[in-house]
Amino acid sequence: MLDSSRQTFGVPGGPGVFANDPGLKAALDVLNSHWPWTISWAELQQETVTRLRGAGSPAGAGLPVRIDELLNVLILNGTARYRLDPVSADATTTGTDEPSRLMAELSQREAEAVTFNRWREVFSLSAADRLLVALLDGTHYRDILLDGLLAAARHEQIQIDDEELCAQIDPLPQRLAMMRLCRG
């Protein structure tokens, strides 16, 4: 609600922030709508003003300063990061980022396979994920991914049964989103 009531933002059990200011609520809503990607400061300002106008609330002359103060609080309490350039999803492609995919491919045979995302966060990969992420160049569909896992099982690269095959493939988009490895 873009009014003066207190509203808390954050994840349950994690750090959070509260806001009474409609402008800050709108800014937090804009940031949430772009997560896990980032947004430039100018875009944040513009989208915040647009949301305020859409709700019939005035932006006020001090909005840029208030948003800067909000960003300072978010950065200092560890709930936001500052980047010189925004990182956004590429809407024209699917799969994983090429460096992340290559890292998974290169570490497939390692005992502790890992990859990383655009934020340089490192993730350990399960035996199935190390094969799947390496295949996700945007050209493979579900059946090809299943075939890849079956071939790996036949060659004893991984131990997986038929039921577990679908259990690995079907939630893959959610796992990729959680690790922020999705390109689009």
Foldseek 3Di string as FASTA:
>chain_A
DLAQDKDWDDDVPDDIDIGRHSLVVLLVVVQVVQPPWGDDLVVSVVSSCVVCVVVVHHCDPCSSVVVVVVVVVCVVRVNDDDDPDTGHADVVAKAFDPQQLVQLQVCLQPPFRWGAHPVRDIDTDDNLRSQQNVPGPRPDDLVVSLVSVVVCCVVVSDPDDPVVSCVCRVCVVVVCVVRVGIRD
